[in-house]
Amino acid sequence: MKNRLSVEIYGQQYNLTGKASPGHMRQVASHVDEKMRQIADKNPRLDTTRLAVLSAVNIADEFLKLKQEHDEIMHLIEDEEP
C-alpha cells in the first residue's frame, strides 16, 4: 500500500508517494527542508537549484559516513562472534 502526502520543502509544496509511513515521509521532508535552510543561511545568494544540489551532497555525505560507521561496527561484531 502506498501512502500519499503533501509536504512543504523550502517554501514549495511537493506530493510524496511511497511505502514509508506518513510520519517517516514528513521526517524526511523536514530533514531536507532543514538542510536547505542551513545552507541558505550561510550562502544567501544561491539559487534554489544549487541550494538543492548542495543539500543533496551534504545529505549524501552524512549518509555515507554513517554507512561506513555501521559497516565498521558490523565487521567488529562479526569478528567477535565464536
Protein backbone atom coordinates (compact mmCIF):
# COMPACT_ATOMS: atom_id res chain seq x y z
CA MET A 1 0.00 0.00 0.00
CA LYS A 2 1.38 3.37 -0.98
CA ASN A 3 0.95 6.47 1.13
CA ARG A 4 0.48 9.91 -0.39
CA LEU A 5 1.42 13.03 1.45
CA SER A 6 1.73 16.73 0.65
CA VAL A 7 4.78 18.37 2.26
CA GLU A 8 6.45 21.74 2.11
CA ILE A 9 10.19 21.93 1.46
CA TYR A 10 11.85 25.31 1.32
CA GLY A 11 8.58 27.07 0.62
CA GLN A 12 7.44 24.73 -2.16
CA GLN A 13 4.71 22.09 -1.98
CA TYR A 14 5.60 18.55 -3.03
CA ASN A 15 3.42 15.46 -3.23
CA LEU A 16 5.28 12.42 -1.94
CA THR A 17 4.21 8.86 -2.65
CA GLY A 18 5.80 5.83 -1.06
CA LYS A 19 5.52 2.77 1.10
CA ALA A 20 7.00 4.52 4.13
CA SER A 21 4.70 5.76 6.86
CA PRO A 22 3.40 9.33 6.60
CA GLY A 23 5.38 10.15 9.74
CA HIS A 24 8.61 8.94 8.16
CA MET A 25 7.89 10.83 4.96
CA ARG A 26 7.28 14.02 6.96
CA GLN A 27 10.55 13.45 8.82
CA VAL A 28 12.47 13.06 5.55
CA ALA A 29 10.90 16.22 4.11
CA SER A 30 11.67 18.09 7.31
CA HIS A 31 15.32 16.98 7.19
CA VAL A 32 15.67 18.16 3.58
CA ASP A 33 13.97 21.48 4.41
CA GLU A 34 16.23 21.98 7.43
CA LYS A 35 19.38 21.20 5.44
CA MET A 36 18.37 23.60 2.66
CA ARG A 37 17.68 26.37 5.18
CA GLN A 38 21.02 25.81 6.95
CA ILE A 39 22.91 26.11 3.68
CA ALA A 40 20.82 29.10 2.52
CA ASP A 41 21.58 30.93 5.78
CA LYS A 42 25.31 30.62 5.07
CA ASN A 43 25.00 31.24 1.30
CA PRO A 44 22.07 33.63 0.75
CA ARG A 45 22.91 34.23 -2.93
CA LEU A 46 22.47 30.62 -4.03
CA ASP A 47 19.60 29.90 -6.39
CA THR A 48 17.20 27.11 -5.46
CA THR A 49 18.73 24.57 -7.86
CA ARG A 50 22.25 24.99 -6.49
CA LEU A 51 20.88 25.01 -2.96
CA ALA A 52 19.07 21.73 -3.60
CA VAL A 53 22.18 20.11 -5.11
CA LEU A 54 24.41 21.24 -2.23
CA SER A 55 21.82 19.94 0.22
CA ALA A 56 21.76 16.59 -1.57
CA VAL A 57 25.58 16.44 -1.46
CA ASN A 58 25.58 17.20 2.27
CA ILE A 59 22.90 14.60 2.99
CA ALA A 60 24.72 12.00 0.88
CA ASP A 61 27.94 12.77 2.80
CA GLU A 62 26.13 12.27 6.12
CA PHE A 63 24.66 9.00 4.84
CA LEU A 64 27.98 7.61 3.59
CA LYS A 65 29.75 8.47 6.85
CA LEU A 66 27.01 6.71 8.85
CA LYS A 67 27.11 3.73 6.48
CA GLN A 68 30.88 3.45 6.92
CA GLU A 69 30.49 3.58 10.73
CA HIS A 70 27.77 0.94 10.55
CA ASP A 71 29.89 -1.33 8.34
CA GLU A 72 32.87 -0.97 10.70
CA ILE A 73 30.71 -1.83 13.72
CA MET A 74 29.20 -4.82 11.93
CA HIS A 75 32.69 -6.01 11.00
CA LEU A 76 33.80 -5.75 14.65
CA ILE A 77 30.72 -7.67 15.80
CA GLU A 78 31.30 -10.42 13.23
CA ASP A 79 34.94 -10.73 14.31
CA GLU A 80 33.87 -11.22 17.93
CA GLU A 81 31.35 -13.98 17.20
CA PRO A 82 32.57 -17.52 18.02
